[in-house]
């Protein structure tokens, strides 16, 4: 399964990134490369069985103290 994703990523790099480079769209190329790298890293880690934290845990950790402050100020 990992090989299929790597081949698909290689095809994207081969066909899309060459076009972006020739058109000198370096911002689009860099953003696309970062997103592809991030997605491939997450896919490989998940395929290897590495637990990936849920983004909702991070959001609740940030907003829980803020909500307590706001609720105490309003009551």
Foldseek 3Di string as FASTA:
>chain_A
DLVVLVVVLVVCCVPVLVVCVVVVVVVVNVVVVVVSVVVSVVVVCVVVVNDDDDVVVVVCVVCVVVVVVVVVVVD
